């Protein structure tokens, strides 16, 4: 009986260890919310999820998120639901349905919330922005002008001391209009730059797309404005589809290449025929 009692006590001693072994330690999930104003026409949010794993922050995919405007306490403020991509990002457009809530104040808050999962506890991230907009235009002498306006109560006012970037749109990424990387707005909320990129290919009319950007500003988020200027070289599309070239379609290879190929083929056949005739002569001589 005593042996049974000792055995039971011994087994009970392993129960806390077994329970601890079954408990999964959850990682802390960090949500980052970024606001984007796209050419004063639309707004969207980028929610990024990451967690510190093995001492390094890593992007976390497949995290279900709910995104709200102003407050997540009011479920009518929901503007989007989705899961993060393989890059740990979710893009949510600010829909027209929240126009009333959006128009209530010059300042706005966006909140992202994730529910608890097996690997992560519930997480929350938010960003607060002041409404702002960019305007961009050009002047004679290849001058680029941009202005930043901030909504104060119900009035748009110029804002000084804000850094922005002036670029020209290219296929692989935007290119600065000159050697200056950034500009700071003056008391009129304006910046001016000279366009010094010569002979950039444009469209078939020589137009280039100029862009003014405020990037990751703590107060205004990310702002973009675009305009078009005829400062590029005209793109004239030419094709060799119906012309003879090395890379043309079948039947349109260069004449010298066809002549060379056919000459080689003819030479090979001439040698083969010559050898056959010689073999016949040898056989005939052998029979005599």
C-alpha atoms as a PDB file:
ATOM      1  CA  UNK A   1       0.000   0.000   0.000  1.00  0.00           C
ATOM      2  CA  UNK A   2       2.859   2.337   0.907  1.00  0.00           C
ATOM      3  CA  UNK A   3       4.506   1.627  -2.439  1.00  0.00           C
ATOM      4  CA  UNK A   4       1.313   2.568  -4.314  1.00  0.00           C
ATOM      5  CA  UNK A   5       1.050   5.786  -2.305  1.00  0.00           C
ATOM      6  CA  UNK A   6       4.675   6.707  -3.096  1.00  0.00           C
ATOM      7  CA  UNK A   7       4.107   5.980  -6.792  1.00  0.00           C
ATOM      8  CA  UNK A   8       1.051   8.267  -6.889  1.00  0.00           C
ATOM      9  CA  UNK A   9       2.976  11.080  -5.194  1.00  0.00           C
ATOM     10  CA  UNK A  10       5.846  10.588  -7.615  1.00  0.00           C
ATOM     11  CA  UNK A  11       3.519  10.868 -10.625  1.00  0.00           C
ATOM     12  CA  UNK A  12       1.738  13.897  -9.186  1.00  0.00           C
ATOM     13  CA  UNK A  13       5.090  15.634  -8.978  1.00  0.00           C
ATOM     14  CA  UNK A  14       5.378  15.530 -12.793  1.00  0.00           C
ATOM     15  CA  UNK A  15       1.959  17.110 -13.435  1.00  0.00           C
ATOM     16  CA  UNK A  16       3.117  20.797 -13.150  1.00  0.00           C
ATOM     17  CA  UNK A  17       6.042  20.036 -15.450  1.00  0.00           C
ATOM     18  CA  UNK A  18       3.713  18.422 -17.973  1.00  0.00           C
ATOM     19  CA  UNK A  19       1.310  21.373 -17.834  1.00  0.00           C
ATOM     20  CA  UNK A  20       4.139  23.853 -18.360  1.00  0.00           C
ATOM     21  CA  UNK A  21       5.401  21.818 -21.301  1.00  0.00           C
ATOM     22  CA  UNK A  22       1.968  22.040 -22.905  1.00  0.00           C
ATOM     23  CA  UNK A  23       1.722  25.826 -22.424  1.00  0.00           C
ATOM     24  CA  UNK A  24       2.856  27.744 -25.517  1.00  0.00           C
ATOM     25  CA  UNK A  25       4.519  31.066 -24.806  1.00  0.00           C
ATOM     26  CA  UNK A  26       2.924  33.653 -27.051  1.00  0.00           C
ATOM     27  CA  UNK A  27       4.949  36.298 -28.867  1.00  0.00           C
ATOM     28  CA  UNK A  28       4.105  39.994 -28.745  1.00  0.00           C
ATOM     29  CA  UNK A  29       2.554  41.212 -32.002  1.00  0.00           C
ATOM     30  CA  UNK A  30       3.255  44.795 -33.058  1.00  0.00           C
ATOM     31  CA  UNK A  31       0.846  46.611 -35.392  1.00  0.00           C
ATOM     32  CA  UNK A  32       1.981  49.644 -37.360  1.00  0.00           C
ATOM     33  CA  UNK A  33      -0.554  51.858 -39.158  1.00  0.00           C
ATOM     34  CA  UNK A  34       0.444  54.243 -41.952  1.00  0.00           C
ATOM     35  CA  UNK A  35      -1.817  56.799 -43.654  1.00  0.00           C
ATOM     36  CA  UNK A  36      -1.554  57.737 -47.352  1.00  0.00           C
ATOM     37  CA  UNK A  37      -3.242  60.578 -49.253  1.00  0.00           C
ATOM     38  CA  UNK A  38      -3.035  59.710 -52.956  1.00  0.00           C
ATOM     39  CA  UNK A  39      -2.959  62.843 -55.120  1.00  0.00           C
ATOM     40  CA  UNK A  40      -5.793  64.413 -53.067  1.00  0.00           C
ATOM     41  CA  UNK A  41      -8.186  61.936 -54.677  1.00  0.00           C
ATOM     42  CA  UNK A  42      -8.261  58.974 -52.308  1.00  0.00           C
ATOM     43  CA  UNK A  43      -6.831  57.756 -49.016  1.00  0.00           C
ATOM     44  CA  UNK A  44      -5.613  54.366 -47.916  1.00  0.00           C
ATOM     45  CA  UNK A  45      -3.947  52.722 -44.947  1.00  0.00           C
ATOM     46  CA  UNK A  46      -1.106  50.223 -44.783  1.00  0.00           C
ATOM     47  CA  UNK A  47      -1.117  48.038 -41.677  1.00  0.00           C
ATOM     48  CA  UNK A  48       2.122  46.185 -40.953  1.00  0.00           C
ATOM     49  CA  UNK A  49       2.439  43.278 -38.526  1.00  0.00           C
ATOM     50  CA  UNK A  50       5.718  42.168 -36.989  1.00  0.00           C
ATOM     51  CA  UNK A  51       6.988  40.266 -33.986  1.00  0.00           C
ATOM     52  CA  UNK A  52      10.348  39.722 -32.331  1.00  0.00           C
ATOM     53  CA  UNK A  53      11.415  36.142 -32.999  1.00  0.00           C
ATOM     54  CA  UNK A  54      14.878  34.816 -32.124  1.00  0.00           C
ATOM     55  CA  UNK A  55      15.978  38.324 -31.237  1.00  0.00           C
ATOM     56  CA  UNK A  56      14.934  39.880 -34.567  1.00  0.00           C
ATOM     57  CA  UNK A  57      11.757  41.582 -35.734  1.00  0.00           C
ATOM     58  CA  UNK A  58      10.102  39.566 -38.495  1.00  0.00           C
ATOM     59  CA  UNK A  59       7.082  40.312 -40.663  1.00  0.00           C
ATOM     60  CA  UNK A  60       4.090  38.170 -39.765  1.00  0.00           C
ATOM     61  CA  UNK A  61       1.672  36.928 -42.429  1.00  0.00           C
ATOM     62  CA  UNK A  62      -1.943  35.747 -42.214  1.00  0.00           C
ATOM     63  CA  UNK A  63      -2.940  37.908 -39.243  1.00  0.00           C
ATOM     64  CA  UNK A  64      -6.692  38.749 -39.344  1.00  0.00           C
ATOM     65  CA  UNK A  65      -7.261  42.476 -38.788  1.00  0.00           C
ATOM     66  CA  UNK A  66     -10.137  44.887 -38.333  1.00  0.00           C
ATOM     67  CA  UNK A  67      -9.575  48.549 -39.134  1.00  0.00           C
ATOM     68  CA  UNK A  68     -11.622  51.418 -37.685  1.00  0.00           C
ATOM     69  CA  UNK A  69     -11.840  55.186 -38.018  1.00  0.00           C
ATOM     70  CA  UNK A  70     -11.990  57.427 -34.907  1.00  0.00           C
ATOM     71  CA  UNK A  71     -12.759  54.628 -32.421  1.00  0.00           C
ATOM     72  CA  UNK A  72     -13.069  50.849 -32.399  1.00  0.00           C
ATOM     73  CA  UNK A  73     -15.704  51.049 -29.651  1.00  0.00           C
ATOM     74  CA  UNK A  74     -18.309  51.996 -32.269  1.00  0.00           C
ATOM     75  CA  UNK A  75     -18.590  49.080 -34.686  1.00  0.00           C
ATOM     76  CA  UNK A  76     -20.159  51.337 -37.323  1.00  0.00           C
ATOM     77  CA  UNK A  77     -16.727  52.923 -37.696  1.00  0.00           C
ATOM     78  CA  UNK A  78     -15.372  49.740 -39.237  1.00  0.00           C
ATOM     79  CA  UNK A  79     -13.730  50.530 -42.593  1.00  0.00           C
ATOM     80  CA  UNK A  80     -12.094  47.232 -43.503  1.00  0.00           C
ATOM     81  CA  UNK A  81     -11.391  43.600 -42.639  1.00  0.00           C
ATOM     82  CA  UNK A  82      -8.608  41.424 -44.003  1.00  0.00           C
ATOM     83  CA  UNK A  83      -5.486  39.376 -43.354  1.00  0.00           C
ATOM     84  CA  UNK A  84      -1.884  40.379 -43.838  1.00  0.00           C
ATOM     85  CA  UNK A  85      -0.002  39.188 -46.922  1.00  0.00           C
ATOM     86  CA  UNK A  86       3.258  37.259 -47.015  1.00  0.00           C
ATOM     87  CA  UNK A  87       4.997  40.611 -46.585  1.00  0.00           C
ATOM     88  CA  UNK A  88       3.091  41.185 -43.342  1.00  0.00           C
ATOM     89  CA  UNK A  89       0.990  44.008 -44.820  1.00  0.00           C
ATOM     90  CA  UNK A  90      -2.681  44.763 -45.290  1.00  0.00           C
ATOM     91  CA  UNK A  91      -3.833  47.639 -47.517  1.00  0.00           C
ATOM     92  CA  UNK A  92      -7.227  49.137 -46.698  1.00  0.00           C
ATOM     93  CA  UNK A  93      -8.908  51.872 -48.735  1.00  0.00           C
ATOM     94  CA  UNK A  94     -10.804  54.540 -46.811  1.00  0.00           C
ATOM     95  CA  UNK A  95     -14.305  54.068 -48.267  1.00  0.00           C
ATOM     96  CA  UNK A  96     -16.814  56.830 -49.128  1.00  0.00           C
ATOM     97  CA  UNK A  97     -19.195  55.311 -46.575  1.00  0.00           C
ATOM     98  CA  UNK A  98     -17.218  56.947 -43.714  1.00  0.00           C
ATOM     99  CA  UNK A  99     -17.348  60.425 -45.246  1.00  0.00           C
ATOM    100  CA  UNK A 100     -19.531  61.735 -42.407  1.00  0.00           C
ATOM    101  CA  UNK A 101     -17.125  60.527 -39.735  1.00  0.00           C
ATOM    102  CA  UNK A 102     -14.136  61.715 -41.781  1.00  0.00           C
ATOM    103  CA  UNK A 103     -15.584  65.224 -42.096  1.00  0.00           C
ATOM    104  CA  UNK A 104     -16.229  65.734 -38.388  1.00  0.00           C
ATOM    105  CA  UNK A 105     -12.754  66.986 -37.533  1.00  0.00           C
ATOM    106  CA  UNK A 106      -9.500  68.238 -39.000  1.00  0.00           C
ATOM    107  CA  UNK A 107      -7.760  65.538 -36.977  1.00  0.00           C
ATOM    108  CA  UNK A 108      -8.439  61.852 -37.460  1.00  0.00           C
ATOM    109  CA  UNK A 109      -7.404  58.564 -35.900  1.00  0.00           C
ATOM    110  CA  UNK A 110      -7.226  55.128 -37.534  1.00  0.00           C
ATOM    111  CA  UNK A 111      -7.104  51.973 -35.412  1.00  0.00           C
ATOM    112  CA  UNK A 112      -6.139  48.419 -36.348  1.00  0.00           C
ATOM    113  CA  UNK A 113      -7.074  45.512 -34.059  1.00  0.00           C
ATOM    114  CA  UNK A 114      -6.138  41.835 -34.195  1.00  0.00           C
ATOM    115  CA  UNK A 115      -7.781  39.107 -32.143  1.00  0.00           C
ATOM    116  CA  UNK A 116      -5.781  36.690 -30.018  1.00  0.00           C
ATOM    117  CA  UNK A 117      -4.483  33.551 -31.784  1.00  0.00           C
ATOM    118  CA  UNK A 118      -2.582  30.456 -30.710  1.00  0.00           C
ATOM    119  CA  UNK A 119       0.736  32.219 -31.292  1.00  0.00           C
ATOM    120  CA  UNK A 120      -0.053  35.868 -30.513  1.00  0.00           C
ATOM    121  CA  UNK A 121      -2.053  37.832 -27.974  1.00  0.00           C
ATOM    122  CA  UNK A 122      -4.580  40.454 -29.023  1.00  0.00           C
ATOM    123  CA  UNK A 123      -2.817  43.495 -30.492  1.00  0.00           C
ATOM    124  CA  UNK A 124      -3.727  47.056 -31.320  1.00  0.00           C
ATOM    125  CA  UNK A 125      -2.116  49.812 -33.350  1.00  0.00           C
ATOM    126  CA  UNK A 126      -3.207  53.291 -34.342  1.00  0.00           C
ATOM    127  CA  UNK A 127      -2.111  56.461 -36.060  1.00  0.00           C
ATOM    128  CA  UNK A 128      -3.368  60.002 -35.576  1.00  0.00           C
ATOM    129  CA  UNK A 129      -3.105  62.478 -38.442  1.00  0.00           C
ATOM    130  CA  UNK A 130      -3.961  66.064 -39.218  1.00  0.00           C
ATOM    131  CA  UNK A 131      -5.577  66.457 -42.610  1.00  0.00           C
ATOM    132  CA  UNK A 132      -3.247  67.960 -45.191  1.00  0.00           C
ATOM    133  CA  UNK A 133      -2.880  68.140 -48.955  1.00  0.00           C
ATOM    134  CA  UNK A 134      -0.188  68.862 -51.507  1.00  0.00           C
ATOM    135  CA  UNK A 135      -0.389  70.859 -54.706  1.00  0.00           C
ATOM    136  CA  UNK A 136       2.215  70.813 -57.458  1.00  0.00           C
ATOM    137  CA  UNK A 137       2.611  72.849 -60.653  1.00  0.00           C
ATOM    138  CA  UNK A 138       5.313  74.110 -63.005  1.00  0.00           C
ATOM    139  CA  UNK A 139       6.623  77.449 -64.248  1.00  0.00           C
ATOM    140  CA  UNK A 140       8.733  78.665 -67.137  1.00  0.00           C
ATOM    141  CA  UNK A 141      12.373  77.663 -67.072  1.00  0.00           C
ATOM    142  CA  UNK A 142      11.630  74.124 -65.904  1.00  0.00           C
ATOM    143  CA  UNK A 143      10.710  75.204 -62.395  1.00  0.00           C
ATOM    144  CA  UNK A 144       8.727  72.870 -60.117  1.00  0.00           C
ATOM    145  CA  UNK A 145       6.563  74.420 -57.399  1.00  0.00           C
ATOM    146  CA  UNK A 146       4.840  72.533 -54.578  1.00  0.00           C
ATOM    147  CA  UNK A 147       2.720  73.780 -51.672  1.00  0.00           C
ATOM    148  CA  UNK A 148       1.528  72.099 -48.493  1.00  0.00           C
ATOM    149  CA  UNK A 149      -1.805  73.034 -46.938  1.00  0.00           C
ATOM    150  CA  UNK A 150      -3.094  71.910 -43.533  1.00  0.00           C
ATOM    151  CA  UNK A 151      -6.725  71.919 -42.442  1.00  0.00           C
ATOM    152  CA  UNK A 152      -7.219  74.144 -39.409  1.00  0.00           C
ATOM    153  CA  UNK A 153     -10.837  74.021 -38.238  1.00  0.00           C
ATOM    154  CA  UNK A 154     -12.460  74.444 -41.660  1.00  0.00           C
ATOM    155  CA  UNK A 155      -9.749  76.508 -43.390  1.00  0.00           C
ATOM    156  CA  UNK A 156      -6.819  75.215 -45.440  1.00  0.00           C
ATOM    157  CA  UNK A 157      -3.677  77.060 -44.354  1.00  0.00           C
ATOM    158  CA  UNK A 158      -0.069  76.817 -45.633  1.00  0.00           C
ATOM    159  CA  UNK A 159       2.320  74.995 -43.332  1.00  0.00           C
ATOM    160  CA  UNK A 160       6.014  75.815 -42.899  1.00  0.00           C
ATOM    161  CA  UNK A 161       8.881  73.591 -41.796  1.00  0.00           C
ATOM    162  CA  UNK A 162       7.753  70.333 -43.414  1.00  0.00           C
ATOM    163  CA  UNK A 163      10.170  68.255 -45.485  1.00  0.00           C
ATOM    164  CA  UNK A 164       9.114  66.975 -48.875  1.00  0.00           C
ATOM    165  CA  UNK A 165      10.650  65.310 -51.913  1.00  0.00           C
ATOM    166  CA  UNK A 166      10.271  66.393 -55.551  1.00  0.00           C
ATOM    167  CA  UNK A 167      10.729  63.593 -58.060  1.00  0.00           C
ATOM    168  CA  UNK A 168       9.978  62.483 -61.595  1.00  0.00           C
ATOM    169  CA  UNK A 169       8.225  59.163 -62.075  1.00  0.00           C
ATOM    170  CA  UNK A 170      10.272  56.376 -63.623  1.00  0.00           C
ATOM    171  CA  UNK A 171       9.525  52.716 -64.240  1.00  0.00           C
ATOM    172  CA  UNK A 172      11.951  51.389 -61.613  1.00  0.00           C
ATOM    173  CA  UNK A 173      11.269  54.108 -59.011  1.00  0.00           C
ATOM    174  CA  UNK A 174      11.082  57.867 -58.657  1.00  0.00           C
ATOM    175  CA  UNK A 175      14.103  60.038 -59.544  1.00  0.00           C
ATOM    176  CA  UNK A 176      14.860  63.354 -57.834  1.00  0.00           C
ATOM    177  CA  UNK A 177      14.354  66.362 -60.110  1.00  0.00           C
ATOM    178  CA  UNK A 178      17.923  67.490 -59.331  1.00  0.00           C
ATOM    179  CA  UNK A 179      20.794  66.770 -56.946  1.00  0.00           C
ATOM    180  CA  UNK A 180      18.868  68.068 -53.889  1.00  0.00           C
ATOM    181  CA  UNK A 181      17.320  65.182 -51.962  1.00  0.00           C
ATOM    182  CA  UNK A 182      14.732  67.018 -49.816  1.00  0.00           C
ATOM    183  CA  UNK A 183      13.149  70.468 -49.483  1.00  0.00           C
ATOM    184  CA  UNK A 184      11.588  72.256 -46.502  1.00  0.00           C
ATOM    185  CA  UNK A 185       8.477  74.389 -46.900  1.00  0.00           C
ATOM    186  CA  UNK A 186       8.760  78.126 -46.227  1.00  0.00           C
ATOM    187  CA  UNK A 187       6.265  80.352 -44.414  1.00  0.00           C
ATOM    188  CA  UNK A 188       3.982  80.151 -47.462  1.00  0.00           C
ATOM    189  CA  UNK A 189       4.078  76.351 -47.306  1.00  0.00           C
ATOM    190  CA  UNK A 190       5.952  76.295 -50.604  1.00  0.00           C
ATOM    191  CA  UNK A 191       9.088  74.786 -52.091  1.00  0.00           C
ATOM    192  CA  UNK A 192      10.674  75.476 -55.468  1.00  0.00           C
ATOM    193  CA  UNK A 193      13.134  73.381 -57.459  1.00  0.00           C
ATOM    194  CA  UNK A 194      14.745  73.507 -60.874  1.00  0.00           C
ATOM    195  CA  UNK A 195      14.280  70.445 -63.052  1.00  0.00           C
ATOM    196  CA  UNK A 196      17.760  69.338 -64.195  1.00  0.00           C
ATOM    197  CA  UNK A 197      17.144  65.873 -65.613  1.00  0.00           C
ATOM    198  CA  UNK A 198      17.838  66.214 -69.308  1.00  0.00           C
ATOM    199  CA  UNK A 199      16.810  63.832 -72.082  1.00  0.00           C
ATOM    200  CA  UNK A 200      14.624  61.599 -69.927  1.00  0.00           C
ATOM    201  CA  UNK A 201      12.303  59.494 -72.106  1.00  0.00           C
ATOM    202  CA  UNK A 202       8.690  60.558 -71.748  1.00  0.00           C
ATOM    203  CA  UNK A 203       5.521  59.415 -73.472  1.00  0.00           C
ATOM    204  CA  UNK A 204       4.846  59.864 -77.186  1.00  0.00           C
ATOM    205  CA  UNK A 205       4.371  63.598 -76.535  1.00  0.00           C
ATOM    206  CA  UNK A 206       7.446  63.946 -74.318  1.00  0.00           C
ATOM    207  CA  UNK A 207       5.426  64.318 -71.107  1.00  0.00           C
ATOM    208  CA  UNK A 208       6.896  63.411 -67.719  1.00  0.00           C
ATOM    209  CA  UNK A 209       4.995  62.884 -64.454  1.00  0.00           C
ATOM    210  CA  UNK A 210       6.316  65.103 -61.627  1.00  0.00           C
ATOM    211  CA  UNK A 211       5.567  64.071 -58.048  1.00  0.00           C
ATOM    212  CA  UNK A 212       5.679  65.902 -54.713  1.00  0.00           C
ATOM    213  CA  UNK A 213       5.867  63.640 -51.639  1.00  0.00           C
ATOM    214  CA  UNK A 214       5.683  64.078 -47.896  1.00  0.00           C
ATOM    215  CA  UNK A 215       6.990  60.788 -46.523  1.00  0.00           C
ATOM    216  CA  UNK A 216       6.242  59.260 -43.103  1.00  0.00           C
ATOM    217  CA  UNK A 217       5.499  62.561 -41.405  1.00  0.00           C
ATOM    218  CA  UNK A 218       4.460  62.099 -37.771  1.00  0.00           C
ATOM    219  CA  UNK A 219       1.627  64.625 -38.109  1.00  0.00           C
ATOM    220  CA  UNK A 220       0.405  64.365 -41.697  1.00  0.00           C
ATOM    221  CA  UNK A 221       1.347  60.824 -42.756  1.00  0.00           C
ATOM    222  CA  UNK A 222       2.255  60.232 -46.401  1.00  0.00           C
ATOM    223  CA  UNK A 223       1.064  62.752 -49.000  1.00  0.00           C
ATOM    224  CA  UNK A 224       1.384  62.669 -52.776  1.00  0.00           C
ATOM    225  CA  UNK A 225       0.566  65.123 -55.576  1.00  0.00           C
ATOM    226  CA  UNK A 226       1.249  64.699 -59.289  1.00  0.00           C
ATOM    227  CA  UNK A 227       1.338  66.831 -62.406  1.00  0.00           C
ATOM    228  CA  UNK A 228       2.515  66.422 -65.973  1.00  0.00           C
ATOM    229  CA  UNK A 229       5.162  68.473 -67.804  1.00  0.00           C
ATOM    230  CA  UNK A 230       6.459  68.210 -71.418  1.00  0.00           C
ATOM    231  CA  UNK A 231      10.119  68.140 -70.372  1.00  0.00           C
ATOM    232  CA  UNK A 232      11.082  64.706 -71.635  1.00  0.00           C
ATOM    233  CA  UNK A 233      12.141  63.358 -74.975  1.00  0.00           C
ATOM    234  CA  UNK A 234       9.396  61.931 -77.156  1.00  0.00           C
ATOM    235  CA  UNK A 235       9.138  58.184 -77.125  1.00  0.00           C
ATOM    236  CA  UNK A 236       8.880  57.017 -80.723  1.00  0.00           C
ATOM    237  CA  UNK A 237       8.030  53.372 -80.843  1.00  0.00           C
ATOM    238  CA  UNK A 238       9.603  51.437 -83.673  1.00  0.00           C
ATOM    239  CA  UNK A 239       9.263  47.771 -84.498  1.00  0.00           C
ATOM    240  CA  UNK A 240      11.270  45.419 -86.688  1.00  0.00           C
ATOM    241  CA  UNK A 241       8.470  42.898 -86.825  1.00  0.00           C
ATOM    242  CA  UNK A 242       8.164  43.063 -90.617  1.00  0.00           C
ATOM    243  CA  UNK A 243      11.841  43.812 -91.226  1.00  0.00           C
ATOM    244  CA  UNK A 244      14.722  41.414 -91.594  1.00  0.00           C
ATOM    245  CA  UNK A 245      16.768  41.118 -88.383  1.00  0.00           C
ATOM    246  CA  UNK A 246      18.411  38.502 -86.187  1.00  0.00           C
ATOM    247  CA  UNK A 247      15.418  38.460 -83.819  1.00  0.00           C
ATOM    248  CA  UNK A 248      12.650  38.768 -86.404  1.00  0.00           C
ATOM    249  CA  UNK A 249       9.918  36.223 -86.929  1.00  0.00           C
ATOM    250  CA  UNK A 250      10.305  33.221 -89.190  1.00  0.00           C
ATOM    251  CA  UNK A 251      11.038  34.075 -92.811  1.00  0.00           C
ATOM    252  CA  UNK A 252      12.461  37.513 -91.943  1.00  0.00           C
ATOM    253  CA  UNK A 253      16.033  36.607 -90.991  1.00  0.00           C
ATOM    254  CA  UNK A 254      18.875  38.575 -92.680  1.00  0.00           C
ATOM    255  CA  UNK A 255      19.691  37.561 -96.269  1.00  0.00           C
ATOM    256  CA  UNK A 256      23.376  37.057 -95.484  1.00  0.00           C
ATOM    257  CA  UNK A 257      22.428  34.663 -92.663  1.00  0.00           C
ATOM    258  CA  UNK A 258      20.101  32.682 -94.918  1.00  0.00           C
ATOM    259  CA  UNK A 259      22.765  32.599 -97.669  1.00  0.00           C
ATOM    260  CA  UNK A 260      25.356  31.329 -95.181  1.00  0.00           C
ATOM    261  CA  UNK A 261      23.063  28.620 -93.828  1.00  0.00           C
ATOM    262  CA  UNK A 262      21.959  27.423 -97.265  1.00  0.00           C
ATOM    263  CA  UNK A 263      25.582  27.442 -98.485  1.00  0.00           C
ATOM    264  CA  UNK A 264      26.627  25.193 -95.596  1.00  0.00           C
ATOM    265  CA  UNK A 265      23.764  22.810 -96.314  1.00  0.00           C
ATOM    266  CA  UNK A 266      24.621  22.728-100.023  1.00  0.00           C
ATOM    267  CA  UNK A 267      28.308  22.118 -99.281  1.00  0.00           C
ATOM    268  CA  UNK A 268      27.469  19.192 -97.009  1.00  0.00           C
ATOM    269  CA  UNK A 269      25.243  17.595 -99.627  1.00  0.00           C
ATOM    270  CA  UNK A 270      27.879  18.113-102.346  1.00  0.00           C
ATOM    271  CA  UNK A 271      30.436  16.268-100.196  1.00  0.00           C
ATOM    272  CA  UNK A 272      27.960  13.466 -99.489  1.00  0.00           C
ATOM    273  CA  UNK A 273      27.106  13.056-103.199  1.00  0.00           C
ATOM    274  CA  UNK A 274      30.801  13.164-104.122  1.00  0.00           C
ATOM    275  CA  UNK A 275      31.579  10.414-101.611  1.00  0.00           C
ATOM    276  CA  UNK A 276      28.729   8.268-102.900  1.00  0.00           C
ATOM    277  CA  UNK A 277      30.015   8.603-106.493  1.00  0.00           C
ATOM    278  CA  UNK A 278      33.531   7.707-105.380  1.00  0.00           C
ATOM    279  CA  UNK A 279      32.255   4.630-103.539  1.00  0.00           C
ATOM    280  CA  UNK A 280      30.410   3.515-106.696  1.00  0.00           C
ATOM    281  CA  UNK A 281      33.625   3.908-108.736  1.00  0.00           C
ATOM    282  CA  UNK A 282      35.553   1.840-106.226  1.00  0.00           C
ATOM    283  CA  UNK A 283      32.902  -0.901-106.258  1.00  0.00           C
ATOM    284  CA  UNK A 284      32.898  -0.906-110.093  1.00  0.00           C
ATOM    285  CA  UNK A 285      36.703  -1.170-110.268  1.00  0.00           C
ATOM    286  CA  UNK A 286      36.578  -4.059-107.809  1.00  0.00           C
ATOM    287  CA  UNK A 287      34.140  -5.971-109.951  1.00  0.00           C
ATOM    288  CA  UNK A 288      36.405  -5.621-113.019  1.00  0.00           C
END
